[in-house]
Amino acid sequence: MRNYADADNLHARIYAMRGRLLSLNDYASISREQVSDKIFGNRNMIEAKEILFREQIAPVLSLVEAYDKYAALFLAYLRQYEAHNVKLLLARALGKESLDQWYDIGPFATLNKDLLTKNLSLDEIKSLLADTYLGQAKKEFQEMMIRRIAVLSVIWSYRLRGYYRFHDEQVRSSLKKFHDLFGGHVEPQMRIVEDALNRRIEQLQKSGAQKPSIVDIERHIEQDYYVWVSSQFHRDFHSIYCVIAYLWLLFYQIRNLFRIRQASSISPVFMIKILKWTPDFRMRKP
């Protein structure tokens, strides 16, 4: 059935789905109890992650065709996972083994997992992708993407300075080629991210804490971005913001669950230390 809901009905469902996102306490419980045998008891890491992904993405699949004005957004979200499937096929075509899982996006997939069993050439893969649907992002989605690109740019700038000893001009030159693709919209967002980071570092120094490492800085930047995305959920019930924010939060939840599954052999206490900088989205309000 297609187009069976209006915007308000779909937003109400998204609000209910957001309420079921995992909190940090939920992650702690999962890490301690490893409640699902088919995921945490499955010794095949790839199969376990594929099962986990299908469970997490199922609510989104049920909404793709619920409201036609949002269909392109949902499909664009699913395509990011299908892009990983393309990487798997390309790796096989180049004779390389990959330990990544296949992302099953149900009836909206343009590529079938059975393709992994075929000895495809690069030209055959190009032919398969020739008519792939590319969803057009909404204005609000572009806004979140620009902020995300700014976050990545600040992280890259710290890595270039810290790991590769780039000076400021080299960093600016390296990032400029990338930023030019977005018409000058990234730099203002970078300044916002950098200002927030500088305030955080200043607070740490005043408290007597040691200078944060590059890894610490990346965690601070990511945390601020998560909080910002979460705040967008409540920006306007009647706008598409809540849908976009939910999809981002679900993306991070899937990533966190993958981390827990990959680290299932280590102690739960250490696992929570890895995740403890992740905000509790379910309880946070703007």
C-alpha atoms as a PDB file:
ATOM      1  CA  MET A   1       0.000   0.000   0.000  1.00  0.00           C
ATOM      2  CA  ARG A   2       1.349   3.422  -0.957  1.00  0.00           C
ATOM      3  CA  ASN A   3       0.721   6.948   0.292  1.00  0.00           C
ATOM      4  CA  TYR A   4      -1.535   5.806   3.131  1.00  0.00           C
ATOM      5  CA  ALA A   5      -0.468   8.471   5.656  1.00  0.00           C
ATOM      6  CA  ASP A   6      -0.302  12.256   5.788  1.00  0.00           C
ATOM      7  CA  ALA A   7       2.624  14.227   7.214  1.00  0.00           C
ATOM      8  CA  ASP A   8       1.223  14.545  10.752  1.00  0.00           C
ATOM      9  CA  ASN A   9       0.432  10.835  10.953  1.00  0.00           C
ATOM     10  CA  LEU A  10       3.921   9.910   9.789  1.00  0.00           C
ATOM     11  CA  HIS A  11       5.540  12.386  12.198  1.00  0.00           C
ATOM     12  CA  ALA A  12       3.568  10.861  15.072  1.00  0.00           C
ATOM     13  CA  ARG A  13       4.900   7.426  14.133  1.00  0.00           C
ATOM     14  CA  ILE A  14       8.442   8.803  13.945  1.00  0.00           C
ATOM     15  CA  TYR A  15       8.055  10.310  17.437  1.00  0.00           C
ATOM     16  CA  ALA A  16       6.959   6.911  18.741  1.00  0.00           C
ATOM     17  CA  MET A  17       9.898   5.214  17.008  1.00  0.00           C
ATOM     18  CA  ARG A  18      12.324   7.725  18.471  1.00  0.00           C
ATOM     19  CA  GLY A  19      11.028   6.851  21.924  1.00  0.00           C
ATOM     20  CA  ARG A  20      12.154   3.278  21.294  1.00  0.00           C
ATOM     21  CA  LEU A  21      15.730   4.207  20.407  1.00  0.00           C
ATOM     22  CA  LEU A  22      18.282   2.812  22.820  1.00  0.00           C
ATOM     23  CA  SER A  23      19.624   4.821  25.739  1.00  0.00           C
ATOM     24  CA  LEU A  24      23.098   4.444  27.221  1.00  0.00           C
ATOM     25  CA  ASN A  25      21.565   2.250  29.946  1.00  0.00           C
ATOM     26  CA  ASP A  26      20.106   0.030  27.226  1.00  0.00           C
ATOM     27  CA  TYR A  27      23.535  -0.313  25.638  1.00  0.00           C
ATOM     28  CA  ALA A  28      24.963  -1.251  29.027  1.00  0.00           C
ATOM     29  CA  SER A  29      22.298  -3.920  29.496  1.00  0.00           C
ATOM     30  CA  ILE A  30      22.864  -5.336  26.021  1.00  0.00           C
ATOM     31  CA  SER A  31      26.605  -5.413  26.570  1.00  0.00           C
ATOM     32  CA  ARG A  32      26.235  -7.206  29.914  1.00  0.00           C
ATOM     33  CA  GLU A  33      23.526  -9.685  29.006  1.00  0.00           C
ATOM     34  CA  GLN A  34      24.063 -10.056  25.228  1.00  0.00           C
ATOM     35  CA  VAL A  35      20.371 -10.805  25.064  1.00  0.00           C
ATOM     36  CA  SER A  36      20.027 -12.148  21.515  1.00  0.00           C
ATOM     37  CA  ASP A  37      21.602 -15.554  20.855  1.00  0.00           C
ATOM     38  CA  LYS A  38      21.123 -15.208  17.114  1.00  0.00           C
ATOM     39  CA  ILE A  39      23.220 -12.039  17.183  1.00  0.00           C
ATOM     40  CA  PHE A  40      25.612 -12.336  20.114  1.00  0.00           C
ATOM     41  CA  GLY A  41      25.658 -16.129  20.194  1.00  0.00           C
ATOM     42  CA  ASN A  42      26.326 -16.360  16.481  1.00  0.00           C
ATOM     43  CA  ARG A  43      30.023 -16.981  15.888  1.00  0.00           C
ATOM     44  CA  ASN A  44      29.728 -15.775  12.309  1.00  0.00           C
ATOM     45  CA  MET A  45      30.314 -12.032  12.717  1.00  0.00           C
ATOM     46  CA  ILE A  46      29.104 -11.104   9.243  1.00  0.00           C
ATOM     47  CA  GLU A  47      25.867 -13.099   9.560  1.00  0.00           C
ATOM     48  CA  ALA A  48      25.210 -11.677  13.035  1.00  0.00           C
ATOM     49  CA  LYS A  49      25.605  -8.099  11.808  1.00  0.00           C
ATOM     50  CA  GLU A  50      23.333  -8.764   8.832  1.00  0.00           C
ATOM     51  CA  ILE A  51      20.620 -10.042  11.194  1.00  0.00           C
ATOM     52  CA  LEU A  52      21.098  -7.040  13.464  1.00  0.00           C
ATOM     53  CA  PHE A  53      20.805  -4.619  10.549  1.00  0.00           C
ATOM     54  CA  ARG A  54      17.602  -6.222   9.241  1.00  0.00           C
ATOM     55  CA  GLU A  55      16.022  -5.908  12.690  1.00  0.00           C
ATOM     56  CA  GLN A  56      17.020  -2.260  13.058  1.00  0.00           C
ATOM     57  CA  ILE A  57      16.068  -1.122   9.557  1.00  0.00           C
ATOM     58  CA  ALA A  58      12.673  -2.879   9.451  1.00  0.00           C
ATOM     59  CA  PRO A  59      10.662   0.097  10.855  1.00  0.00           C
ATOM     60  CA  VAL A  60      12.109   2.377   8.180  1.00  0.00           C
ATOM     61  CA  LEU A  61      11.253  -0.045   5.368  1.00  0.00           C
ATOM     62  CA  SER A  62       7.615   0.068   6.463  1.00  0.00           C
ATOM     63  CA  LEU A  63       7.524   3.873   6.062  1.00  0.00           C
ATOM     64  CA  VAL A  64       9.262   4.368   2.714  1.00  0.00           C
ATOM     65  CA  GLU A  65       6.016   4.455   0.723  1.00  0.00           C
ATOM     66  CA  ALA A  66       3.753   5.718   3.505  1.00  0.00           C
ATOM     67  CA  TYR A  67       3.842   9.363   2.392  1.00  0.00           C
ATOM     68  CA  ASP A  68       4.908  10.126  -1.164  1.00  0.00           C
ATOM     69  CA  LYS A  69       6.494  13.511  -0.390  1.00  0.00           C
ATOM     70  CA  TYR A  70       9.034  11.816   1.914  1.00  0.00           C
ATOM     71  CA  ALA A  71       9.680   8.728  -0.203  1.00  0.00           C
ATOM     72  CA  ALA A  72      12.775  10.216  -1.877  1.00  0.00           C
ATOM     73  CA  LEU A  73      14.312  11.013   1.516  1.00  0.00           C
ATOM     74  CA  PHE A  74      13.784   7.494   2.869  1.00  0.00           C
ATOM     75  CA  LEU A  75      15.168   5.986  -0.321  1.00  0.00           C
ATOM     76  CA  ALA A  76      18.234   8.242  -0.211  1.00  0.00           C
ATOM     77  CA  TYR A  77      18.833   7.065   3.358  1.00  0.00           C
ATOM     78  CA  LEU A  78      18.652   3.420   2.288  1.00  0.00           C
ATOM     79  CA  ARG A  79      20.952   4.068  -0.676  1.00  0.00           C
ATOM     80  CA  GLN A  80      23.829   4.958   1.643  1.00  0.00           C
ATOM     81  CA  TYR A  81      23.740   1.364   2.874  1.00  0.00           C
ATOM     82  CA  GLU A  82      23.446   0.011  -0.639  1.00  0.00           C
ATOM     83  CA  ALA A  83      26.582   1.969  -1.528  1.00  0.00           C
ATOM     84  CA  HIS A  84      28.424  -0.349   0.877  1.00  0.00           C
ATOM     85  CA  ASN A  85      27.054  -3.317  -1.060  1.00  0.00           C
ATOM     86  CA  VAL A  86      28.568  -1.852  -4.216  1.00  0.00           C
ATOM     87  CA  LYS A  87      31.931  -1.718  -2.424  1.00  0.00           C
ATOM     88  CA  LEU A  88      31.617  -5.425  -1.648  1.00  0.00           C
ATOM     89  CA  LEU A  89      30.956  -6.232  -5.292  1.00  0.00           C
ATOM     90  CA  LEU A  90      33.868  -4.077  -6.421  1.00  0.00           C
ATOM     91  CA  ALA A  91      36.172  -5.774  -3.916  1.00  0.00           C
ATOM     92  CA  ARG A  92      35.162  -9.172  -5.294  1.00  0.00           C
ATOM     93  CA  ALA A  93      35.685  -7.983  -8.865  1.00  0.00           C
ATOM     94  CA  LEU A  94      39.208  -6.872  -7.935  1.00  0.00           C
ATOM     95  CA  GLY A  95      39.948 -10.201  -6.282  1.00  0.00           C
ATOM     96  CA  LYS A  96      39.977  -8.817  -2.743  1.00  0.00           C
ATOM     97  CA  GLU A  97      38.259 -10.389   0.251  1.00  0.00           C
ATOM     98  CA  SER A  98      36.088  -8.204   2.456  1.00  0.00           C
ATOM     99  CA  LEU A  99      34.896  -8.812   6.007  1.00  0.00           C
ATOM    100  CA  ASP A 100      31.995  -6.371   5.621  1.00  0.00           C
ATOM    101  CA  GLN A 101      28.381  -7.499   5.721  1.00  0.00           C
ATOM    102  CA  TRP A 102      25.675  -7.115   3.081  1.00  0.00           C
ATOM    103  CA  TYR A 103      23.021  -4.510   3.906  1.00  0.00           C
ATOM    104  CA  ASP A 104      19.575  -5.886   3.119  1.00  0.00           C
ATOM    105  CA  ILE A 105      17.156  -3.059   2.320  1.00  0.00           C
ATOM    106  CA  GLY A 106      14.353  -5.378   1.296  1.00  0.00           C
ATOM    107  CA  PRO A 107      12.153  -4.568  -1.699  1.00  0.00           C
ATOM    108  CA  PHE A 108      13.946  -1.250  -2.275  1.00  0.00           C
ATOM    109  CA  ALA A 109      17.274  -2.847  -3.176  1.00  0.00           C
ATOM    110  CA  THR A 110      18.587  -2.385  -6.684  1.00  0.00           C
ATOM    111  CA  LEU A 111      21.270  -5.039  -6.118  1.00  0.00           C
ATOM    112  CA  ASN A 112      20.715  -8.613  -4.942  1.00  0.00           C
ATOM    113  CA  LYS A 113      23.024 -10.424  -2.522  1.00  0.00           C
ATOM    114  CA  ASP A 114      23.190 -13.340  -4.961  1.00  0.00           C
ATOM    115  CA  LEU A 115      25.527 -11.158  -7.029  1.00  0.00           C
ATOM    116  CA  LEU A 116      28.270 -11.970  -4.509  1.00  0.00           C
ATOM    117  CA  THR A 117      28.279 -15.553  -5.769  1.00  0.00           C
ATOM    118  CA  LYS A 118      28.934 -14.447  -9.347  1.00  0.00           C
ATOM    119  CA  ASN A 119      32.322 -13.620 -10.795  1.00  0.00           C
ATOM    120  CA  LEU A 120      31.409 -10.133 -12.022  1.00  0.00           C
ATOM    121  CA  SER A 121      33.790  -7.905 -13.934  1.00  0.00           C
ATOM    122  CA  LEU A 122      34.079  -4.158 -13.337  1.00  0.00           C
ATOM    123  CA  ASP A 123      32.239  -3.475 -16.594  1.00  0.00           C
ATOM    124  CA  GLU A 124      29.371  -5.740 -15.537  1.00  0.00           C
ATOM    125  CA  ILE A 125      29.083  -3.897 -12.216  1.00  0.00           C
ATOM    126  CA  LYS A 126      29.043  -0.545 -14.026  1.00  0.00           C
ATOM    127  CA  SER A 127      26.221  -1.858 -16.192  1.00  0.00           C
ATOM    128  CA  LEU A 128      24.239  -2.902 -13.117  1.00  0.00           C
ATOM    129  CA  LEU A 129      24.586   0.591 -11.640  1.00  0.00           C
ATOM    130  CA  ALA A 130      23.757   2.492 -14.822  1.00  0.00           C
ATOM    131  CA  ASP A 131      20.092   3.038 -13.917  1.00  0.00           C
ATOM    132  CA  THR A 132      20.441   3.167 -10.127  1.00  0.00           C
ATOM    133  CA  TYR A 133      17.986   5.541  -8.488  1.00  0.00           C
ATOM    134  CA  LEU A 134      19.587   8.569  -6.825  1.00  0.00           C
ATOM    135  CA  GLY A 135      17.255  10.312  -4.382  1.00  0.00           C
ATOM    136  CA  GLN A 136      17.166  14.108  -4.293  1.00  0.00           C
ATOM    137  CA  ALA A 137      17.858  15.350  -0.772  1.00  0.00           C
ATOM    138  CA  LYS A 138      15.566  17.868   0.821  1.00  0.00           C
ATOM    139  CA  LYS A 139      16.811  21.349   1.788  1.00  0.00           C
ATOM    140  CA  GLU A 140      16.789  20.374   5.460  1.00  0.00           C
ATOM    141  CA  PHE A 141      18.760  17.198   4.744  1.00  0.00           C
ATOM    142  CA  GLN A 142      21.350  19.296   2.926  1.00  0.00           C
ATOM    143  CA  GLU A 143      21.629  21.517   6.002  1.00  0.00           C
ATOM    144  CA  MET A 144      22.429  18.516   8.176  1.00  0.00           C
ATOM    145  CA  MET A 145      24.856  17.203   5.592  1.00  0.00           C
ATOM    146  CA  ILE A 146      26.740  20.518   5.473  1.00  0.00           C
ATOM    147  CA  ARG A 147      27.071  20.453   9.268  1.00  0.00           C
ATOM    148  CA  ARG A 148      28.277  16.852   9.057  1.00  0.00           C
ATOM    149  CA  ILE A 149      30.841  17.806   6.397  1.00  0.00           C
ATOM    150  CA  ALA A 150      32.021  20.634   8.665  1.00  0.00           C
ATOM    151  CA  VAL A 151      32.461  18.160  11.528  1.00  0.00           C
ATOM    152  CA  LEU A 152      34.505  15.834   9.326  1.00  0.00           C
ATOM    153  CA  SER A 153      36.574  18.779   8.072  1.00  0.00           C
ATOM    154  CA  VAL A 154      37.522  19.844  11.597  1.00  0.00           C
ATOM    155  CA  ILE A 155      38.422  16.246  12.453  1.00  0.00           C
ATOM    156  CA  TRP A 156      40.539  15.953   9.298  1.00  0.00           C
ATOM    157  CA  SER A 157      42.293  19.251  10.055  1.00  0.00           C
ATOM    158  CA  TYR A 158      43.351  17.967  13.492  1.00  0.00           C
ATOM    159  CA  ARG A 159      44.540  14.689  11.979  1.00  0.00           C
ATOM    160  CA  LEU A 160      46.536  16.470   9.278  1.00  0.00           C
ATOM    161  CA  ARG A 161      48.232  18.693  11.850  1.00  0.00           C
ATOM    162  CA  GLY A 162      48.740  16.032  14.493  1.00  0.00           C
ATOM    163  CA  TYR A 163      49.597  12.928  12.476  1.00  0.00           C
ATOM    164  CA  TYR A 164      51.069  14.355   9.262  1.00  0.00           C
ATOM    165  CA  ARG A 165      52.578  17.611  10.607  1.00  0.00           C
ATOM    166  CA  PHE A 166      50.768  19.779   8.061  1.00  0.00           C
ATOM    167  CA  HIS A 167      50.991  23.507   8.704  1.00  0.00           C
ATOM    168  CA  ASP A 168      47.877  25.704   8.547  1.00  0.00           C
ATOM    169  CA  GLU A 169      48.260  26.663   4.886  1.00  0.00           C
ATOM    170  CA  GLN A 170      48.628  23.017   3.840  1.00  0.00           C
ATOM    171  CA  VAL A 171      45.506  22.114   5.794  1.00  0.00           C
ATOM    172  CA  ARG A 172      43.494  24.936   4.211  1.00  0.00           C
ATOM    173  CA  SER A 173      44.705  23.980   0.741  1.00  0.00           C
ATOM    174  CA  SER A 174      43.822  20.317   1.270  1.00  0.00           C
ATOM    175  CA  LEU A 175      40.319  21.077   2.527  1.00  0.00           C
ATOM    176  CA  LYS A 176      39.583  23.829  -0.009  1.00  0.00           C
ATOM    177  CA  LYS A 177      39.389  21.400  -2.938  1.00  0.00           C
ATOM    178  CA  PHE A 178      36.740  19.461  -1.039  1.00  0.00           C
ATOM    179  CA  HIS A 179      34.846  22.497   0.258  1.00  0.00           C
ATOM    180  CA  ASP A 180      34.631  24.067  -3.204  1.00  0.00           C
ATOM    181  CA  LEU A 181      32.245  21.266  -4.149  1.00  0.00           C
ATOM    182  CA  PHE A 182      29.679  22.755  -1.738  1.00  0.00           C
ATOM    183  CA  GLY A 183      29.730  26.385  -2.826  1.00  0.00           C
ATOM    184  CA  GLY A 184      31.342  27.937   0.238  1.00  0.00           C
ATOM    185  CA  HIS A 185      28.702  26.685   2.673  1.00  0.00           C
ATOM    186  CA  VAL A 186      31.065  24.542   4.751  1.00  0.00           C
ATOM    187  CA  GLU A 187      33.409  27.203   6.190  1.00  0.00           C
ATOM    188  CA  PRO A 188      30.742  29.048   8.268  1.00  0.00           C
ATOM    189  CA  GLN A 189      29.643  25.727   9.771  1.00  0.00           C
ATOM    190  CA  MET A 190      33.279  24.822  10.462  1.00  0.00           C
ATOM    191  CA  ARG A 191      33.661  28.016  12.492  1.00  0.00           C
ATOM    192  CA  ILE A 192      30.639  27.043  14.595  1.00  0.00           C
ATOM    193  CA  VAL A 193      32.124  23.594  15.248  1.00  0.00           C
ATOM    194  CA  GLU A 194      35.576  25.035  16.022  1.00  0.00           C
ATOM    195  CA  ASP A 195      34.175  27.687  18.382  1.00  0.00           C
ATOM    196  CA  ALA A 196      32.274  25.034  20.355  1.00  0.00           C
ATOM    197  CA  LEU A 197      35.386  22.853  20.490  1.00  0.00           C
ATOM    198  CA  ASN A 198      37.596  25.730  21.666  1.00  0.00           C
ATOM    199  CA  ARG A 199      35.144  26.506  24.467  1.00  0.00           C
ATOM    200  CA  ARG A 200      35.217  22.839  25.524  1.00  0.00           C
ATOM    201  CA  ILE A 201      39.032  22.736  25.522  1.00  0.00           C
ATOM    202  CA  GLU A 202      39.165  25.988  27.509  1.00  0.00           C
ATOM    203  CA  GLN A 203      36.808  24.532  30.124  1.00  0.00           C
ATOM    204  CA  LEU A 204      38.965  21.418  30.424  1.00  0.00           C
ATOM    205  CA  GLN A 205      42.123  23.467  30.870  1.00  0.00           C
ATOM    206  CA  LYS A 206      40.505  25.626  33.553  1.00  0.00           C
ATOM    207  CA  SER A 207      39.494  22.493  35.453  1.00  0.00           C
ATOM    208  CA  GLY A 208      43.092  21.303  35.475  1.00  0.00           C
ATOM    209  CA  ALA A 209      42.518  18.418  33.069  1.00  0.00           C
ATOM    210  CA  GLN A 210      45.315  17.352  30.776  1.00  0.00           C
ATOM    211  CA  LYS A 211      45.391  18.555  27.190  1.00  0.00           C
ATOM    212  CA  PRO A 212      42.989  16.419  25.124  1.00  0.00           C
ATOM    213  CA  SER A 213      44.461  14.058  22.554  1.00  0.00           C
ATOM    214  CA  ILE A 214      43.330  14.019  18.928  1.00  0.00           C
ATOM    215  CA  VAL A 215      41.117  11.029  19.745  1.00  0.00           C
ATOM    216  CA  ASP A 216      39.553  12.971  22.652  1.00  0.00           C
ATOM    217  CA  ILE A 217      38.979  15.965  20.396  1.00  0.00           C
ATOM    218  CA  GLU A 218      37.255  13.796  17.795  1.00  0.00           C
ATOM    219  CA  ARG A 219      34.961  12.378  20.467  1.00  0.00           C
ATOM    220  CA  HIS A 220      34.068  15.869  21.696  1.00  0.00           C
ATOM    221  CA  ILE A 221      33.276  17.015  18.155  1.00  0.00           C
ATOM    222  CA  GLU A 222      31.180  13.936  17.409  1.00  0.00           C
ATOM    223  CA  GLN A 223      29.298  14.293  20.687  1.00  0.00           C
ATOM    224  CA  ASP A 224      28.426  17.916  19.935  1.00  0.00           C
ATOM    225  CA  TYR A 225      27.171  16.878  16.510  1.00  0.00           C
ATOM    226  CA  TYR A 226      24.992  14.123  17.988  1.00  0.00           C
ATOM    227  CA  VAL A 227      23.493  16.609  20.445  1.00  0.00           C
ATOM    228  CA  TRP A 228      22.802  19.064  17.623  1.00  0.00           C
ATOM    229  CA  VAL A 229      21.117  16.391  15.490  1.00  0.00           C
ATOM    230  CA  SER A 230      19.029  15.312  18.465  1.00  0.00           C
ATOM    231  CA  SER A 231      17.927  18.910  19.065  1.00  0.00           C
ATOM    232  CA  GLN A 232      16.716  19.145  15.459  1.00  0.00           C
ATOM    233  CA  PHE A 233      14.193  16.409  16.178  1.00  0.00           C
ATOM    234  CA  HIS A 234      12.118  18.857  18.223  1.00  0.00           C
ATOM    235  CA  ARG A 235      12.612  21.801  15.876  1.00  0.00           C
ATOM    236  CA  ASP A 236       9.141  21.602  14.347  1.00  0.00           C
ATOM    237  CA  PHE A 237       6.707  18.702  14.637  1.00  0.00           C
ATOM    238  CA  HIS A 238       5.103  19.635  11.320  1.00  0.00           C
ATOM    239  CA  SER A 239       8.353  19.773   9.321  1.00  0.00           C
ATOM    240  CA  ILE A 240      10.584  17.080   7.897  1.00  0.00           C
ATOM    241  CA  TYR A 241      13.256  17.797  10.528  1.00  0.00           C
ATOM    242  CA  CYS A 242      12.026  15.117  12.928  1.00  0.00           C
ATOM    243  CA  VAL A 243      12.226  12.493  10.173  1.00  0.00           C
ATOM    244  CA  ILE A 244      15.765  13.464   9.169  1.00  0.00           C
ATOM    245  CA  ALA A 245      16.951  13.586  12.777  1.00  0.00           C
ATOM    246  CA  TYR A 246      15.447  10.174  13.518  1.00  0.00           C
ATOM    247  CA  LEU A 247      17.204   8.634  10.516  1.00  0.00           C
ATOM    248  CA  TRP A 248      20.542  10.046  11.671  1.00  0.00           C
ATOM    249  CA  LEU A 249      19.994   8.770  15.212  1.00  0.00           C
ATOM    250  CA  LEU A 250      19.071   5.326  13.899  1.00  0.00           C
ATOM    251  CA  PHE A 251      22.259   5.362  11.805  1.00  0.00           C
ATOM    252  CA  TYR A 252      24.323   5.929  14.964  1.00  0.00           C
ATOM    253  CA  GLN A 253      22.368   3.298  16.897  1.00  0.00           C
ATOM    254  CA  ILE A 254      23.131   0.693  14.236  1.00  0.00           C
ATOM    255  CA  ARG A 255      26.790   1.696  14.343  1.00  0.00           C
ATOM    256  CA  ASN A 256      26.877   1.400  18.141  1.00  0.00           C
ATOM    257  CA  LEU A 257      25.246  -2.038  18.067  1.00  0.00           C
ATOM    258  CA  PHE A 258      27.809  -3.173  15.500  1.00  0.00           C
ATOM    259  CA  ARG A 259      30.544  -1.995  17.866  1.00  0.00           C
ATOM    260  CA  ILE A 260      29.051  -3.950  20.752  1.00  0.00           C
ATOM    261  CA  ARG A 261      28.780  -7.066  18.606  1.00  0.00           C
ATOM    262  CA  GLN A 262      32.348  -6.729  17.381  1.00  0.00           C
ATOM    263  CA  ALA A 263      33.577  -6.262  20.946  1.00  0.00           C
ATOM    264  CA  SER A 264      31.349  -8.934  22.510  1.00  0.00           C
ATOM    265  CA  SER A 265      34.378 -10.796  23.803  1.00  0.00           C
ATOM    266  CA  ILE A 266      35.637  -7.898  25.944  1.00  0.00           C
ATOM    267  CA  SER A 267      34.305  -6.881  29.337  1.00  0.00           C
ATOM    268  CA  PRO A 268      30.983  -4.961  29.481  1.00  0.00           C
ATOM    269  CA  VAL A 269      32.625  -2.284  31.664  1.00  0.00           C
ATOM    270  CA  PHE A 270      35.220  -1.561  28.982  1.00  0.00           C
ATOM    271  CA  MET A 271      32.529  -1.616  26.313  1.00  0.00           C
ATOM    272  CA  ILE A 272      30.576   1.095  28.110  1.00  0.00           C
ATOM    273  CA  LYS A 273      33.735   3.184  28.342  1.00  0.00           C
ATOM    274  CA  ILE A 274      33.872   3.026  24.558  1.00  0.00           C
ATOM    275  CA  LEU A 275      30.243   4.151  24.265  1.00  0.00           C
ATOM    276  CA  LYS A 276      29.943   6.432  27.292  1.00  0.00           C
ATOM    277  CA  TRP A 277      30.423   9.618  25.265  1.00  0.00           C
ATOM    278  CA  THR A 278      27.327   8.747  23.242  1.00  0.00           C
ATOM    279  CA  PRO A 279      24.472  11.015  24.422  1.00  0.00           C
ATOM    280  CA  ASP A 280      21.247   9.526  25.725  1.00  0.00           C
ATOM    281  CA  PHE A 281      19.070  10.704  22.820  1.00  0.00           C
ATOM    282  CA  ARG A 282      15.871   9.314  24.261  1.00  0.00           C
ATOM    283  CA  MET A 283      15.927  11.625  27.272  1.00  0.00           C
ATOM    284  CA  ARG A 284      17.559  14.725  25.804  1.00  0.00           C
ATOM    285  CA  LYS A 285      15.429  17.757  24.975  1.00  0.00           C
ATOM    286  CA  PRO A 286      16.548  20.982  23.273  1.00  0.00           C
END
